[in-house]
Amino acid sequence: MVRASMNTLILTLCMSSQIFAQQNFRFFEPIEPSRNIQVMVHRGMAMAAPENTAAAIEMCVQDYCEWVEIDIRLTKDGRHVVIHNQTVDATTNGTGPVAALTLTELQDLDAGSWFAPRYAGIRLLSLPQALAMAKDKINLYLDCKHVAPRLLVEEITAADMKHQVIVYDQPEVLAEIRAASNGSVACMSKYRPKTMDFDAFVAKIAPAAVEIDADDVTPELCQQFHAAGIKVQAKVLGQEWDTPSVWAAAIDAGVDWLQTDAPAALLFFNARRRMGSFPVKIAAHRGANRYAPENTIPAIREAAKLGVDYTEIDIRTTQDGRFVLIHDGTLDRTTTEVGNVRDKSFGELTQLSAGIRFGNPFLDSRVPSFYDGLTALGETMAVYLDAKDITPEALIEAIHRHHLEERHVVYQSLEYCQRLSKLAPHVHTLPPLKRLEQIDAVAAIKPYGVDAAWHILSEEMISMCHQQGMQVFSDLLGPNENIQQYQKVISWKLDCIQTDHPLRVLRAIELMAAKNFR
């Protein structure tokens, strides 16, 4: 009886020290200067790479996200592996429960081909591997499906990742983790205000952070937790919650983190709310092709969700004189068919999958008609029309039919743009400008703007175009897609950046805004 009382007293004292240790827990800041909120990307960039894999995590790093949520399970031989489901069937080429396989057996499986051929051979990560790749790059939210608490603490400690992880589990598991780490590993649990008492929750759980479902988040609740030194994560997953209106309510309530499946859209939304208009327009190359198959309806809709200024699409003509969206003159690269676009009928083309090479989640994304692509723009986003193979007359008719007079540009050769201008002077033509000595000849047709080659851009060149009433667009693709180049051309007053990496452009804008604010 005395021993039991003594154990209770020791546990109470330990709990008191751990509560203090986790108040105002200091986490590593992957993005500096930091934003007003941070995103936790659910299972990594799972719309574009196999969930919970190195590829999905690395995309989050490249896109300047702060956190990745990954799922942890125990293997047959007592190791921690990163996988969500209880079985391997859905996300590998294997079968059976995770707990029935050793780590070696699990890592012999192909964890990428189920998503897309280009990920063939990618392996499941052990927790130590995930910690190592995230070190000094991105923080990890460890959703513990089935773990060994003491081993978990040992692995986090060995990786020197105590300030780059938060562990989510049931209270009884978190108590073991706090005891094993002496409160040095941050813990998080679910708080349900309708069924839980605030004071009892804080006293018992002693978390560094809480997860609250989006519809339970309130300013008063955030204030209460912040006063106790506890961070607040809003879970905004699902079609009902992962939306601008819910994001806005959570941000305004004062949450610290939002767990989302739409990190790019959320980051753009938050930046626009804070900064208003950006100093440069952004064109999503072939739609938001980083997150969905190029030139498809999902890619156009994703660009619209981001709120970019333009989505760039490529138009070609079919054998029977109809129009579809596809970049190449052949089908080989982006569909499972081969041959020339011009040799196929409209009906044949629009039955082809334009998404399967990007990923199996997009298997049903067809080669879209030009008109379906324009409809997918929504009510506000403008369109950058690359008229690869369409007559000027047909293009003008499409602009009128979809009421795009004030929200379009048309890119094609100088001769094509000249024909367009003669037929319809109001069309926003955008001929190429490859050499400085071409400026006067291009200006003579009075275009809306020019698509300037990167190597001729300069502050003086952009000023010359502006003086002649021409906006300057440029394709910052490939080696030019980095923050330093973006910031340089933005400072030169470039009008529009066409990019494959919209979040990289956004980060350049955020950094410039932070510098100007200081």
Protein backbone atom coordinates (compact mmCIF):
# COMPACT_ATOMS: atom_id res chain seq x y z
CA MET A 1 0.00 0.00 0.00
CA VAL A 2 2.85 2.36 0.91
CA ARG A 3 4.68 1.37 -2.29
CA ALA A 4 1.53 2.10 -4.37
CA SER A 5 1.14 5.54 -2.75
CA MET A 6 4.80 6.33 -3.33
CA ASN A 7 4.47 5.32 -7.01
CA THR A 8 1.43 7.59 -7.37
CA LEU A 9 3.36 10.49 -5.83
CA ILE A 10 6.36 9.91 -8.12
CA LEU A 11 4.08 9.74 -11.18
CA THR A 12 2.36 12.99 -10.10
CA LEU A 13 5.70 14.77 -9.69
CA CYS A 14 6.91 13.45 -13.03
CA MET A 15 3.71 14.60 -14.69
CA SER A 16 4.11 18.07 -13.18
CA SER A 17 7.64 18.43 -14.55
CA GLN A 18 6.52 17.14 -17.97
CA ILE A 19 3.62 19.60 -18.10
CA PHE A 20 6.09 22.41 -17.54
CA ALA A 21 8.53 20.95 -20.07
CA GLN A 22 5.96 20.92 -22.89
CA GLN A 23 4.49 24.37 -22.35
CA ASN A 24 5.63 26.80 -25.06
CA PHE A 25 7.61 24.02 -26.72
CA ARG A 26 10.11 25.47 -29.19
CA PHE A 27 9.92 23.84 -32.61
CA PHE A 28 12.41 24.14 -35.44
CA GLU A 29 11.34 26.76 -38.01
CA PRO A 30 11.90 25.31 -41.51
CA ILE A 31 10.67 28.51 -43.20
CA GLU A 32 12.10 31.85 -42.13
CA PRO A 33 10.86 34.44 -41.79
CA SER A 34 7.94 32.39 -40.57
CA ARG A 35 4.35 32.73 -41.74
CA ASN A 36 1.35 33.60 -39.58
CA ILE A 37 0.22 29.96 -39.87
CA GLN A 38 1.97 26.73 -40.81
CA VAL A 39 0.70 23.88 -42.98
CA MET A 40 0.85 20.20 -42.09
CA VAL A 41 0.65 18.25 -45.35
CA HIS A 42 -1.40 15.09 -44.90
CA ARG A 43 0.74 12.03 -45.80
CA GLY A 44 3.03 14.28 -47.82
CA MET A 45 2.18 15.65 -51.27
CA ALA A 46 -0.09 12.67 -51.82
CA MET A 47 -1.91 14.12 -54.84
CA ALA A 48 1.32 13.99 -56.84
CA ALA A 49 3.42 11.21 -55.28
CA PRO A 50 2.82 7.96 -53.37
CA GLU A 51 1.62 8.86 -49.88
CA ASN A 52 3.98 8.57 -46.92
CA THR A 53 7.03 8.05 -49.18
CA ALA A 54 10.30 9.91 -49.58
CA ALA A 55 8.99 11.40 -52.85
CA ALA A 56 5.87 12.80 -51.16
CA ILE A 57 7.95 14.27 -48.31
CA GLU A 58 10.56 15.75 -50.63
CA MET A 59 7.88 17.56 -52.65
CA CYS A 60 6.77 19.28 -49.43
CA VAL A 61 10.35 20.39 -48.78
CA GLN A 62 10.66 21.74 -52.33
CA ASP A 63 7.35 23.60 -51.96
CA TYR A 64 8.37 25.39 -48.74
CA CYS A 65 5.91 23.67 -46.42
CA GLU A 66 6.59 23.53 -42.69
CA TRP A 67 5.25 20.11 -41.70
CA VAL A 68 4.49 16.67 -43.13
CA GLU A 69 2.05 14.32 -41.43
CA ILE A 70 3.20 10.68 -41.73
CA ASP A 71 1.80 7.47 -40.24
CA ILE A 72 3.86 5.07 -38.12
CA ARG A 73 3.32 1.34 -37.50
CA LEU A 74 5.24 -1.51 -35.89
CA THR A 75 6.57 -4.34 -38.03
CA LYS A 76 6.66 -8.03 -37.11
CA ASP A 77 10.23 -7.62 -35.84
CA GLY A 78 9.41 -4.57 -33.72
CA ARG A 79 10.64 -1.81 -36.03
CA HIS A 80 8.82 1.38 -37.00
CA VAL A 81 7.76 1.76 -40.63
CA VAL A 82 5.97 4.65 -42.35
CA ILE A 83 2.62 3.46 -43.73
CA HIS A 84 -0.99 4.41 -43.07
CA ASN A 85 -3.08 1.26 -43.60
CA GLN A 86 -3.02 -1.86 -41.46
CA THR A 87 -2.25 -3.89 -44.57
CA VAL A 88 0.17 -3.29 -47.43
CA ASP A 89 -2.34 -4.20 -50.15
CA ALA A 90 -3.41 -0.69 -51.23
CA THR A 91 -0.03 1.03 -51.43
CA THR A 92 2.48 -1.69 -52.37
CA ASN A 93 2.68 -4.76 -54.59
CA GLY A 94 2.43 -6.98 -51.52
CA THR A 95 -0.42 -8.39 -49.46
CA GLY A 96 -1.14 -8.90 -45.79
CA PRO A 97 -0.92 -7.02 -42.50
CA VAL A 98 2.02 -4.73 -41.81
CA ALA A 99 2.40 -6.38 -38.40
CA ALA A 100 2.90 -9.79 -40.07
CA LEU A 101 5.96 -8.67 -42.07
CA THR A 102 9.49 -7.77 -41.00
CA LEU A 103 10.99 -4.42 -41.93
CA THR A 104 13.23 -6.15 -44.50
CA GLU A 105 10.22 -7.86 -46.06
CA LEU A 106 8.31 -4.59 -46.14
CA GLN A 107 11.19 -2.70 -47.72
CA ASP A 108 11.51 -5.35 -50.42
CA LEU A 109 8.06 -4.30 -51.68
CA ASP A 110 7.44 -1.78 -54.48
CA ALA A 111 5.64 1.15 -52.84
CA GLY A 112 5.46 3.36 -55.92
CA SER A 113 4.11 1.52 -58.95
CA TRP A 114 0.57 1.54 -57.57
CA PHE A 115 0.62 5.31 -58.01
CA ALA A 116 2.50 5.71 -61.31
CA PRO A 117 5.15 3.89 -63.39
CA ARG A 118 7.66 6.69 -62.78
CA TYR A 119 7.66 5.80 -59.08
CA ALA A 120 8.38 2.12 -59.67
CA GLY A 121 10.78 0.70 -57.10
CA ILE A 122 10.28 3.35 -54.42
CA ARG A 123 10.45 1.76 -50.96
CA LEU A 124 8.61 2.15 -47.69
CA LEU A 125 10.55 4.27 -45.21
CA SER A 126 11.62 3.18 -41.77
CA LEU A 127 11.07 5.88 -39.17
CA PRO A 128 14.83 6.51 -38.82
CA GLN A 129 15.05 7.02 -42.59
CA ALA A 130 12.16 9.48 -42.53
CA LEU A 131 13.73 11.38 -39.63
CA ALA A 132 17.08 11.53 -41.42
CA MET A 133 15.64 12.93 -44.64
CA ALA A 134 13.60 15.56 -42.75
CA LYS A 135 16.50 16.71 -40.57
CA ASP A 136 16.97 20.50 -40.82
CA LYS A 137 14.48 20.61 -43.73
CA ILE A 138 10.92 19.99 -42.56
CA ASN A 139 9.09 19.05 -39.37
CA LEU A 140 7.23 15.76 -38.96
CA TYR A 141 3.83 15.11 -37.40
CA LEU A 142 4.05 11.44 -36.41
CA ASP A 143 0.57 9.92 -36.42
CA CYS A 144 1.16 6.81 -34.34
CA LYS A 145 -1.09 4.00 -35.50
CA HIS A 146 0.80 1.34 -33.51
CA VAL A 147 4.14 2.14 -31.89
CA ALA A 148 6.59 1.10 -29.19
CA PRO A 149 6.84 4.30 -27.10
CA ARG A 150 10.34 3.79 -25.72
CA LEU A 151 11.76 2.79 -29.11
CA LEU A 152 10.04 5.79 -30.70
CA VAL A 153 11.75 8.12 -28.23
CA GLU A 154 15.11 6.43 -28.82
CA GLU A 155 14.81 6.87 -32.59
CA ILE A 156 13.77 10.51 -32.34
CA THR A 157 16.60 11.20 -29.89
CA ALA A 158 19.21 9.36 -31.98
CA ALA A 159 18.21 11.43 -35.00
CA ASP A 160 18.49 14.66 -32.97
CA MET A 161 14.95 15.48 -34.08
CA LYS A 162 13.28 16.35 -30.76
CA HIS A 163 12.47 19.84 -31.97
CA GLN A 164 11.32 18.71 -35.41
CA VAL A 165 8.62 16.24 -34.48
CA ILE A 166 5.31 16.13 -32.69
CA VAL A 167 3.85 12.76 -31.73
CA TYR A 168 0.11 12.16 -31.99
CA ASP A 169 -1.56 9.26 -30.20
CA GLN A 170 -3.98 8.27 -27.47
CA PRO A 171 -3.37 9.74 -23.98
CA GLU A 172 -2.07 6.50 -22.48
CA VAL A 173 0.59 6.13 -25.19
CA LEU A 174 1.56 9.79 -24.91
CA ALA A 175 2.04 9.33 -21.15
CA GLU A 176 4.59 6.59 -21.88
CA ILE A 177 6.34 8.78 -24.45
CA ARG A 178 6.54 11.72 -22.04
CA ALA A 179 7.90 9.45 -19.32
CA ALA A 180 10.49 7.87 -21.64
CA SER A 181 11.65 11.25 -22.95
CA ASN A 182 11.32 13.16 -19.69
CA GLY A 183 8.97 15.50 -21.52
CA SER A 184 11.49 16.36 -24.23
CA VAL A 185 9.51 14.85 -27.13
CA ALA A 186 6.51 17.00 -28.02
CA CYS A 187 3.11 15.33 -27.83
CA MET A 188 -0.30 16.13 -29.29
CA SER A 189 -3.74 14.65 -28.73
CA LYS A 190 -7.27 15.30 -29.98
CA TYR A 191 -9.39 17.78 -28.03
CA ARG A 192 -13.17 17.57 -28.37
CA PRO A 193 -14.75 20.57 -26.63
CA LYS A 194 -18.24 19.03 -26.59
CA THR A 195 -17.16 16.04 -24.51
CA MET A 196 -13.93 17.09 -22.73
CA ASP A 197 -13.23 19.43 -19.84
CA PHE A 198 -10.48 21.92 -20.69
CA ASP A 199 -8.72 21.97 -17.29
CA ALA A 200 -8.85 18.22 -16.88
CA PHE A 201 -7.52 17.70 -20.42
CA VAL A 202 -4.56 20.02 -19.90
CA ALA A 203 -3.74 18.55 -16.50
CA LYS A 204 -3.96 14.94 -17.68
CA ILE A 205 -2.54 15.08 -21.19
CA ALA A 206 0.05 17.85 -20.75
CA PRO A 207 0.39 18.35 -24.52
CA ALA A 208 2.67 20.66 -26.47
CA ALA A 209 -0.17 21.01 -28.98
CA VAL A 210 -3.75 19.93 -29.53
CA GLU A 211 -5.59 18.80 -32.63
CA ILE A 212 -9.11 20.20 -32.99
CA ASP A 213 -11.54 19.36 -35.78
CA ALA A 214 -12.26 22.35 -37.99
CA ASP A 215 -15.90 22.70 -36.93
CA ASP A 216 -14.90 22.85 -33.24
CA VAL A 217 -12.29 25.61 -33.57
CA THR A 218 -13.18 28.93 -31.93
CA PRO A 219 -11.17 32.06 -31.03
CA GLU A 220 -11.95 31.50 -27.34
CA LEU A 221 -10.60 27.96 -27.45
CA CYS A 222 -7.41 29.06 -29.21
CA GLN A 223 -6.91 31.80 -26.62
CA GLN A 224 -7.35 29.31 -23.79
CA PHE A 225 -4.79 26.90 -25.18
CA HIS A 226 -2.32 29.66 -26.05
CA ALA A 227 -2.61 31.04 -22.52
CA ALA A 228 -1.58 27.56 -21.32
CA GLY A 229 1.42 27.57 -23.70
CA ILE A 230 -0.16 24.99 -26.02
CA LYS A 231 -0.24 25.25 -29.81
CA VAL A 232 -3.44 24.58 -31.76
CA GLN A 233 -3.71 22.49 -34.91
CA ALA A 234 -6.92 22.64 -36.92
CA LYS A 235 -7.73 19.46 -38.82
CA VAL A 236 -9.27 20.69 -42.07
CA LEU A 237 -9.24 17.45 -44.05
CA GLY A 238 -12.09 16.43 -46.34
CA GLN A 239 -14.11 18.14 -49.05
CA GLU A 240 -16.32 19.90 -46.52
CA TRP A 241 -13.49 21.39 -44.47
CA ASP A 242 -10.52 21.78 -46.84
CA THR A 243 -11.99 24.96 -48.30
CA PRO A 244 -11.21 28.70 -48.25
CA SER A 245 -14.12 29.56 -45.94
CA VAL A 246 -13.03 27.00 -43.34
CA TRP A 247 -9.36 27.98 -43.68
CA ALA A 248 -10.31 31.62 -43.13
CA ALA A 249 -12.34 30.82 -40.02
CA ALA A 250 -9.52 28.74 -38.53
CA ILE A 251 -6.86 31.34 -39.30
CA ASP A 252 -9.00 34.14 -37.88
CA ALA A 253 -9.62 32.06 -34.77
CA GLY A 254 -5.86 32.02 -34.17
CA VAL A 255 -4.74 28.46 -34.92
CA ASP A 256 -1.04 27.79 -35.34
CA TRP A 257 -1.16 24.87 -37.79
CA LEU A 258 -3.62 23.53 -40.35
CA GLN A 259 -3.52 19.88 -41.44
CA THR A 260 -4.54 19.82 -45.10
CA ASP A 261 -4.64 17.85 -48.33
CA ALA A 262 -4.45 21.12 -50.30
CA PRO A 263 -1.24 22.83 -49.12
CA ALA A 264 -0.60 24.84 -52.29
CA ALA A 265 -4.10 26.29 -52.41
CA LEU A 266 -4.03 27.03 -48.67
CA LEU A 267 -0.67 28.81 -48.83
CA PHE A 268 -1.77 30.95 -51.78
CA PHE A 269 -5.05 31.75 -50.05
CA ASN A 270 -3.29 32.80 -46.84
CA ALA A 271 -0.72 34.92 -48.70
CA ARG A 272 -3.38 36.78 -50.71
CA ARG A 273 -5.30 37.55 -47.53
CA ARG A 274 -2.20 38.97 -45.89
CA MET A 275 -0.63 40.79 -48.83
CA GLY A 276 -3.47 41.59 -51.19
CA SER A 277 -2.21 41.89 -54.75
CA PHE A 278 1.16 40.42 -55.68
CA PRO A 279 3.91 42.43 -57.43
CA VAL A 280 3.88 40.02 -60.38
CA LYS A 281 1.25 37.91 -62.11
CA ILE A 282 1.67 34.13 -62.13
CA ALA A 283 0.83 31.78 -65.01
CA ALA A 284 0.56 28.06 -64.25
CA HIS A 285 2.34 26.24 -67.08
CA ARG A 286 -0.04 23.71 -68.69
CA GLY A 287 -2.24 24.15 -65.63
CA ALA A 288 -0.94 23.33 -62.18
CA ASN A 289 1.06 20.48 -63.70
CA ARG A 290 3.05 19.84 -60.51
CA TYR A 291 -0.09 18.58 -58.78
CA ALA A 292 -2.15 17.17 -61.66
CA PRO A 293 -1.56 15.93 -65.23
CA GLU A 294 -0.68 18.75 -67.62
CA ASN A 295 -3.38 20.23 -69.86
CA THR A 296 -6.19 18.35 -68.08
CA ILE A 297 -9.32 19.54 -66.31
CA PRO A 298 -7.82 18.67 -62.86
CA ALA A 299 -4.71 20.74 -63.66
CA ILE A 300 -6.82 23.73 -64.71
CA ARG A 301 -9.06 23.44 -61.66
CA GLU A 302 -6.05 23.13 -59.37
CA ALA A 303 -4.63 26.33 -60.87
CA ALA A 304 -7.97 28.01 -60.19
CA LYS A 305 -7.84 26.80 -56.56
CA LEU A 306 -4.40 28.37 -56.22
CA GLY A 307 -5.81 31.66 -57.45
CA VAL A 308 -3.02 32.19 -59.97
CA ASP A 309 -3.63 34.86 -62.57
CA TYR A 310 -3.38 32.68 -65.68
CA THR A 311 -3.41 29.04 -66.56
CA GLU A 312 -1.48 28.27 -69.74
CA ILE A 313 -2.98 25.63 -72.05
CA ASP A 314 -2.00 24.24 -75.45
CA ILE A 315 -4.56 23.86 -78.23
CA ARG A 316 -4.41 21.42 -81.13
CA THR A 317 -6.78 20.39 -83.93
CA THR A 318 -8.06 16.86 -84.45
CA GLN A 319 -8.46 14.94 -87.71
CA ASP A 320 -12.10 16.07 -87.95
CA GLY A 321 -11.41 19.73 -87.21
CA ARG A 322 -12.27 19.83 -83.48
CA PHE A 323 -10.01 21.22 -80.74
CA VAL A 324 -8.36 19.51 -77.78
CA LEU A 325 -5.82 20.42 -75.11
CA ILE A 326 -2.48 18.69 -75.51
CA HIS A 327 1.04 20.07 -75.75
CA ASP A 328 2.87 17.64 -78.01
CA GLY A 329 1.98 16.94 -81.60
CA THR A 330 1.99 13.26 -80.70
CA LEU A 331 0.17 11.26 -78.01
CA ASP A 332 3.16 9.21 -76.90
CA ARG A 333 4.34 11.15 -73.83
CA THR A 334 1.09 12.02 -72.03
CA THR A 335 -1.32 9.19 -72.96
CA THR A 336 -1.14 5.43 -73.38
CA GLU A 337 -1.77 5.79 -77.12
CA VAL A 338 0.81 6.59 -79.82
CA GLY A 339 0.59 8.54 -83.04
CA ASN A 340 -0.12 12.08 -84.18
CA VAL A 341 -2.88 14.19 -82.70
CA ARG A 342 -3.85 15.28 -86.22
CA ASP A 343 -4.42 11.65 -87.23
CA LYS A 344 -7.06 10.97 -84.55
CA SER A 345 -10.69 12.02 -84.44
CA PHE A 346 -12.11 14.13 -81.65
CA GLY A 347 -14.06 11.14 -80.34
CA GLU A 348 -10.97 8.95 -80.26
CA LEU A 349 -8.86 11.55 -78.48
CA THR A 350 -11.37 12.46 -75.80
CA GLN A 351 -11.63 8.78 -74.80
CA LEU A 352 -7.91 8.59 -74.03
CA SER A 353 -6.58 8.93 -70.48
CA ALA A 354 -4.39 12.01 -70.19
CA GLY A 355 -3.68 11.29 -66.53
CA ILE A 356 -2.54 7.71 -66.17
CA ARG A 357 1.12 8.52 -66.80
CA PHE A 358 0.98 11.15 -64.04
CA GLY A 359 -0.72 8.88 -61.55
CA ASN A 360 -3.43 6.26 -61.15
CA PRO A 361 -5.66 8.67 -59.16
CA PHE A 362 -6.02 10.55 -62.47
CA LEU A 363 -6.74 7.47 -64.59
CA ASP A 364 -10.15 8.83 -65.60
CA SER A 365 -8.86 12.26 -66.64
CA ARG A 366 -9.38 12.35 -70.41
CA VAL A 367 -7.79 14.46 -73.10
CA PRO A 368 -10.10 17.46 -72.70
CA SER A 369 -11.84 19.43 -75.38
CA PHE A 370 -10.71 23.03 -75.70
CA TYR A 371 -14.18 24.21 -74.65
CA ASP A 372 -14.28 22.02 -71.53
CA GLY A 373 -10.90 23.45 -70.60
CA LEU A 374 -12.20 27.00 -70.90
CA THR A 375 -15.24 26.14 -68.79
CA ALA A 376 -12.94 24.76 -66.07
CA LEU A 377 -11.30 28.18 -65.68
CA GLY A 378 -14.10 29.34 -63.42
CA GLU A 379 -15.24 32.93 -63.08
CA THR A 380 -12.01 34.81 -62.38
CA MET A 381 -8.85 33.13 -63.65
CA ALA A 382 -7.50 34.29 -66.99
CA VAL A 383 -6.19 31.95 -69.68
CA TYR A 384 -2.89 31.97 -71.53
CA LEU A 385 -3.74 30.38 -74.87
CA ASP A 386 -0.84 28.72 -76.66
CA ALA A 387 -2.34 28.42 -80.14
CA LYS A 388 -0.23 25.48 -81.25
CA ASP A 389 -2.64 24.31 -83.94
CA ILE A 390 -5.89 26.28 -84.23
CA THR A 391 -7.06 28.86 -86.74
CA PRO A 392 -7.28 32.50 -85.63
CA GLU A 393 -10.98 32.51 -86.52
CA ALA A 394 -11.74 29.53 -84.27
CA LEU A 395 -9.73 31.05 -81.43
CA ILE A 396 -11.58 34.35 -81.63
CA GLU A 397 -14.93 32.53 -81.62
CA ALA A 398 -13.92 30.59 -78.47
CA ILE A 399 -12.85 33.78 -76.68
CA HIS A 400 -16.25 35.34 -77.41
CA ARG A 401 -18.26 32.22 -76.57
CA HIS A 402 -16.70 31.98 -73.12
CA HIS A 403 -16.75 35.74 -72.45
CA LEU A 404 -12.97 35.90 -72.06
CA GLU A 405 -12.45 39.27 -73.76
CA GLU A 406 -10.88 40.75 -70.62
CA ARG A 407 -9.11 37.67 -69.30
CA HIS A 408 -6.94 36.04 -71.90
CA VAL A 409 -3.69 36.32 -73.82
CA VAL A 410 -2.82 34.47 -77.03
CA TYR A 411 0.72 33.25 -77.64
CA GLN A 412 1.90 32.34 -81.11
CA SER A 413 4.25 33.61 -83.82
CA LEU A 414 4.37 37.28 -84.77
CA GLU A 415 2.65 36.47 -88.07
CA TYR A 416 -0.17 34.60 -86.33
CA CYS A 417 -0.66 37.42 -83.83
CA GLN A 418 -0.73 39.94 -86.67
CA ARG A 419 -3.53 37.97 -88.39
CA LEU A 420 -5.43 37.82 -85.10
CA SER A 421 -5.13 41.58 -84.59
CA LYS A 422 -6.48 42.30 -88.06
CA LEU A 423 -9.47 40.04 -87.48
CA ALA A 424 -10.17 41.23 -83.94
CA PRO A 425 -8.12 44.19 -82.64
CA HIS A 426 -9.35 43.58 -79.08
CA VAL A 427 -7.60 40.18 -78.79
CA HIS A 428 -4.70 40.24 -76.33
CA THR A 429 -1.85 38.99 -78.49
CA LEU A 430 1.45 37.84 -76.99
CA PRO A 431 4.07 37.22 -79.69
CA PRO A 432 7.53 35.91 -78.80
CA LEU A 433 10.43 38.29 -78.33
CA LYS A 434 13.69 36.38 -78.68
CA ARG A 435 16.13 39.21 -79.48
CA LEU A 436 16.29 42.83 -78.37
CA GLU A 437 16.50 44.09 -81.95
CA GLN A 438 13.00 42.68 -82.57
CA ILE A 439 11.28 45.07 -80.17
CA ASP A 440 10.29 47.69 -82.77
CA ALA A 441 8.97 45.09 -85.23
CA VAL A 442 6.90 43.42 -82.51
CA ALA A 443 5.64 46.74 -81.17
CA ALA A 444 4.46 47.69 -84.67
CA ILE A 445 1.50 45.26 -84.43
CA LYS A 446 0.50 46.80 -81.06
CA PRO A 447 0.35 43.57 -79.04
CA TYR A 448 -0.96 43.31 -75.52
CA GLY A 449 2.45 42.05 -74.48
CA VAL A 450 5.43 39.91 -75.41
CA ASP A 451 6.65 36.52 -74.29
CA ALA A 452 10.31 37.41 -73.75
CA ALA A 453 13.18 34.96 -73.80
CA TRP A 454 14.84 34.74 -70.40
CA HIS A 455 18.31 35.66 -71.63
CA ILE A 456 17.23 39.09 -72.95
CA LEU A 457 15.41 40.19 -69.78
CA SER A 458 16.75 43.23 -67.98
CA GLU A 459 15.31 46.21 -66.18
CA GLU A 460 16.04 48.39 -69.21
CA MET A 461 14.46 45.94 -71.66
CA ILE A 462 11.28 45.63 -69.59
CA SER A 463 11.10 49.42 -69.30
CA MET A 464 11.47 49.76 -73.09
CA CYS A 465 8.52 47.40 -73.62
CA HIS A 466 6.40 49.22 -71.06
CA GLN A 467 7.11 52.53 -72.77
CA GLN A 468 5.72 51.03 -75.98
CA GLY A 469 2.59 49.82 -74.19
CA MET A 470 3.58 46.14 -74.05
CA GLN A 471 3.47 43.95 -70.97
CA VAL A 472 6.34 41.48 -70.51
CA PHE A 473 5.71 37.80 -69.82
CA SER A 474 8.52 35.27 -69.47
CA ASP A 475 8.78 31.51 -69.03
CA LEU A 476 10.96 30.92 -65.99
CA LEU A 477 11.22 27.18 -66.52
CA GLY A 478 13.98 24.66 -65.83
CA PRO A 479 17.25 26.12 -64.50
CA ASN A 480 15.75 29.60 -64.13
CA GLU A 481 13.13 28.45 -61.62
CA ASN A 482 14.67 29.61 -58.38
CA ILE A 483 13.92 32.28 -55.82
CA GLN A 484 16.90 34.47 -56.71
CA GLN A 485 15.89 34.68 -60.37
CA TYR A 486 12.26 35.31 -59.47
CA GLN A 487 13.17 38.14 -57.13
CA LYS A 488 15.45 39.71 -59.71
CA VAL A 489 12.82 39.85 -62.45
CA ILE A 490 10.12 40.96 -60.01
CA SER A 491 12.35 43.89 -58.99
CA TRP A 492 12.69 44.70 -62.69
CA LYS A 493 8.85 44.96 -62.93
CA LEU A 494 8.27 41.85 -65.03
CA ASP A 495 4.52 41.56 -65.53
CA CYS A 496 4.02 37.78 -65.49
CA ILE A 497 6.06 34.69 -64.62
CA GLN A 498 5.07 31.40 -66.24
CA THR A 499 6.12 28.56 -63.96
CA ASP A 500 5.95 24.86 -63.15
CA HIS A 501 6.54 25.70 -59.46
CA PRO A 502 3.93 28.19 -58.23
CA LEU A 503 4.83 27.79 -54.54
CA ARG A 504 8.42 28.67 -55.33
CA VAL A 505 7.27 31.92 -56.90
CA LEU A 506 5.04 32.52 -53.89
CA ARG A 507 7.97 32.10 -51.52
CA ALA A 508 9.99 34.65 -53.48
CA ILE A 509 7.09 37.09 -53.16
CA GLU A 510 6.72 36.39 -49.42
CA LEU A 511 10.43 36.99 -48.82
CA MET A 512 10.38 40.26 -50.77
CA ALA A 513 7.31 41.41 -48.82
CA ALA A 514 8.98 40.55 -45.50
CA LYS A 515 12.12 42.46 -46.49
CA ASN A 516 10.10 45.51 -47.54
CA PHE A 517 8.07 45.38 -44.32
CA ARG A 518 11.22 45.49 -42.22
